[in-house]
Amino acid sequence: MDEDDLDPREAERVRRRDREARAAERELMRSGMGKVFKQIQDVQRKVADELPDERPRNPKRIRP
């Protein structure tokens, strides 16, 4: 079913939804958003580095 088969009100609703979705994608490409993305990654790295460095034990491993 394409847009031509829809009721005019429904077709407009679909166009508006698509336009809003494209706007959200473009928002992420704004200048300065790279810096925000880097800040998020830095915080995630810091949290990951603060986690305890414990490996899960392998209960099936036979120790000599």
N, C-alpha and C. Protein backbone atom coordinates (compact mmCIF):
# COMPACT_ATOMS: atom_id res chain seq x y z
N MET A 1 0.86 -1.18 0.00
CA MET A 1 0.00 0.00 0.00
C MET A 1 0.90 1.24 0.00
N ASP A 2 0.70 2.11 -0.97
CA ASP A 2 1.51 3.32 -0.98
C ASP A 2 0.65 4.51 -0.57
N GLU A 3 1.28 5.66 -0.55
CA GLU A 3 0.62 6.87 -0.04
C GLU A 3 -0.61 7.28 -0.86
N ASP A 4 -0.62 6.92 -2.15
CA ASP A 4 -1.75 7.29 -3.02
C ASP A 4 -3.03 6.55 -2.65
N ASP A 5 -2.90 5.40 -2.03
CA ASP A 5 -4.07 4.59 -1.67
C ASP A 5 -4.71 5.02 -0.36
N LEU A 6 -4.07 5.92 0.37
CA LEU A 6 -4.55 6.31 1.69
C LEU A 6 -5.55 7.47 1.61
N ASP A 7 -6.34 7.55 2.65
CA ASP A 7 -7.23 8.69 2.85
C ASP A 7 -6.34 9.94 2.94
N PRO A 8 -6.76 11.08 2.41
CA PRO A 8 -5.91 12.28 2.44
C PRO A 8 -5.42 12.66 3.85
N ARG A 9 -6.28 12.48 4.84
CA ARG A 9 -5.85 12.80 6.22
C ARG A 9 -4.77 11.84 6.69
N GLU A 10 -4.94 10.56 6.36
CA GLU A 10 -3.95 9.56 6.74
C GLU A 10 -2.64 9.79 5.99
N ALA A 11 -2.73 10.14 4.72
CA ALA A 11 -1.52 10.42 3.93
C ALA A 11 -0.75 11.59 4.53
N GLU A 12 -1.44 12.62 4.96
CA GLU A 12 -0.78 13.76 5.59
C GLU A 12 -0.14 13.34 6.91
N ARG A 13 -0.81 12.49 7.65
CA ARG A 13 -0.25 11.98 8.91
C ARG A 13 1.05 11.22 8.66
N VAL A 14 1.08 10.42 7.59
CA VAL A 14 2.28 9.65 7.24
C VAL A 14 3.40 10.61 6.83
N ARG A 15 3.08 11.62 6.01
CA ARG A 15 4.10 12.59 5.60
C ARG A 15 4.67 13.34 6.79
N ARG A 16 3.80 13.73 7.72
CA ARG A 16 4.25 14.45 8.92
C ARG A 16 5.15 13.55 9.77
N ARG A 17 4.76 12.28 9.94
CA ARG A 17 5.58 11.34 10.71
C ARG A 17 6.96 11.18 10.07
N ASP A 18 6.99 11.03 8.74
CA ASP A 18 8.26 10.86 8.04
C ASP A 18 9.12 12.12 8.15
N ARG A 19 8.49 13.29 8.03
CA ARG A 19 9.23 14.55 8.13
C ARG A 19 9.82 14.72 9.52
N GLU A 20 9.05 14.35 10.56
CA GLU A 20 9.55 14.46 11.93
C GLU A 20 10.68 13.47 12.18
N ALA A 21 10.60 12.29 11.58
CA ALA A 21 11.67 11.29 11.75
C ALA A 21 12.96 11.79 11.09
N ARG A 22 12.84 12.38 9.91
CA ARG A 22 14.02 12.92 9.24
C ARG A 22 14.61 14.09 10.02
N ALA A 23 13.76 14.90 10.64
CA ALA A 23 14.23 16.03 11.44
C ALA A 23 15.03 15.54 12.64
N ALA A 24 14.59 14.46 13.26
CA ALA A 24 15.32 13.91 14.40
C ALA A 24 16.69 13.40 13.97
N GLU A 25 16.77 12.79 12.79
CA GLU A 25 18.06 12.32 12.28
C GLU A 25 18.98 13.51 11.99
N ARG A 26 18.43 14.56 11.39
CA ARG A 26 19.24 15.74 11.08
C ARG A 26 19.74 16.44 12.34
N GLU A 27 18.93 16.40 13.39
CA GLU A 27 19.30 17.03 14.65
C GLU A 27 20.60 16.46 15.18
N LEU A 28 20.79 15.15 15.00
CA LEU A 28 22.01 14.52 15.47
C LEU A 28 23.23 14.93 14.65
N MET A 29 23.02 15.45 13.46
CA MET A 29 24.13 15.85 12.60
C MET A 29 24.48 17.33 12.74
N ARG A 30 23.78 18.03 13.62
CA ARG A 30 24.07 19.44 13.84
C ARG A 30 25.51 19.64 14.26
N SER A 31 26.05 20.80 13.97
CA SER A 31 27.41 21.09 14.41
C SER A 31 27.43 21.13 15.93
N GLY A 32 28.46 20.56 16.50
CA GLY A 32 28.57 20.51 17.95
C GLY A 32 28.08 19.20 18.54
N MET A 33 27.32 18.43 17.79
CA MET A 33 26.81 17.17 18.32
C MET A 33 27.92 16.13 18.44
N GLY A 34 28.98 16.27 17.66
CA GLY A 34 30.12 15.36 17.78
C GLY A 34 30.74 15.49 19.17
N LYS A 35 30.80 16.71 19.67
CA LYS A 35 31.35 16.95 21.01
C LYS A 35 30.47 16.27 22.06
N VAL A 36 29.17 16.38 21.91
CA VAL A 36 28.24 15.76 22.85
C VAL A 36 28.42 14.24 22.81
N PHE A 37 28.53 13.69 21.61
CA PHE A 37 28.72 12.25 21.46
C PHE A 37 30.01 11.82 22.16
N LYS A 38 31.08 12.58 21.98
CA LYS A 38 32.37 12.28 22.61
C LYS A 38 32.24 12.34 24.13
N GLN A 39 31.51 13.32 24.65
CA GLN A 39 31.33 13.42 26.10
C GLN A 39 30.59 12.21 26.64
N ILE A 40 29.59 11.73 25.92
CA ILE A 40 28.84 10.55 26.34
C ILE A 40 29.77 9.34 26.36
N GLN A 41 30.57 9.19 25.31
CA GLN A 41 31.50 8.06 25.26
C GLN A 41 32.52 8.14 26.40
N ASP A 42 33.00 9.33 26.70
CA ASP A 42 33.97 9.50 27.79
C ASP A 42 33.39 9.07 29.13
N VAL A 43 32.14 9.44 29.38
CA VAL A 43 31.48 9.05 30.64
C VAL A 43 31.30 7.54 30.68
N GLN A 44 30.89 6.95 29.57
CA GLN A 44 30.71 5.50 29.54
C GLN A 44 32.04 4.79 29.78
N ARG A 45 33.12 5.29 29.20
CA ARG A 45 34.44 4.70 29.41
C ARG A 45 34.85 4.81 30.87
N LYS A 46 34.60 5.97 31.48
CA LYS A 46 34.97 6.17 32.89
C LYS A 46 34.22 5.19 33.79
N VAL A 47 32.93 5.01 33.54
CA VAL A 47 32.13 4.07 34.32
C VAL A 47 32.65 2.64 34.12
N ALA A 48 32.97 2.29 32.89
CA ALA A 48 33.48 0.94 32.60
C ALA A 48 34.82 0.71 33.28
N ASP A 49 35.67 1.71 33.30
CA ASP A 49 36.98 1.59 33.94
C ASP A 49 36.86 1.44 35.45
N GLU A 50 35.80 1.95 36.04
CA GLU A 50 35.62 1.87 37.49
C GLU A 50 35.01 0.55 37.95
N LEU A 51 34.52 -0.25 37.01
CA LEU A 51 33.96 -1.55 37.38
C LEU A 51 35.08 -2.47 37.86
N PRO A 52 34.77 -3.36 38.80
CA PRO A 52 35.80 -4.30 39.26
C PRO A 52 36.27 -5.19 38.12
N ASP A 53 37.56 -5.47 38.11
CA ASP A 53 38.14 -6.26 37.03
C ASP A 53 38.20 -7.72 37.46
N GLU A 54 37.05 -8.35 37.55
CA GLU A 54 36.97 -9.75 37.93
C GLU A 54 36.47 -10.56 36.75
N ARG A 55 37.17 -11.63 36.50
CA ARG A 55 36.73 -12.53 35.44
C ARG A 55 35.79 -13.56 36.05
N PRO A 56 34.78 -13.94 35.33
CA PRO A 56 33.89 -14.99 35.85
C PRO A 56 34.66 -16.31 35.94
N ARG A 57 34.41 -17.02 36.98
CA ARG A 57 35.09 -18.30 37.17
C ARG A 57 34.48 -19.36 36.26
N ASN A 58 35.33 -20.25 35.81
CA ASN A 58 34.87 -21.37 35.00
C ASN A 58 34.81 -22.59 35.91
N PRO A 59 33.62 -22.98 36.36
CA PRO A 59 33.52 -24.07 37.33
C PRO A 59 33.94 -25.43 36.76
N LYS A 60 33.99 -25.58 35.45
CA LYS A 60 34.34 -26.86 34.83
C LYS A 60 35.85 -27.02 34.66
N ARG A 61 36.59 -25.97 34.90
CA ARG A 61 38.04 -26.02 34.73
C ARG A 61 38.65 -26.86 35.86
N ILE A 62 39.48 -27.79 35.47
CA ILE A 62 40.11 -28.67 36.45
C ILE A 62 41.47 -28.08 36.78
N ARG A 63 41.68 -27.84 38.07
CA ARG A 63 42.96 -27.29 38.51
C ARG A 63 43.87 -28.44 38.97
N PRO A 64 45.12 -28.42 38.55
CA PRO A 64 46.04 -29.51 38.96
C PRO A 64 46.45 -29.42 40.41
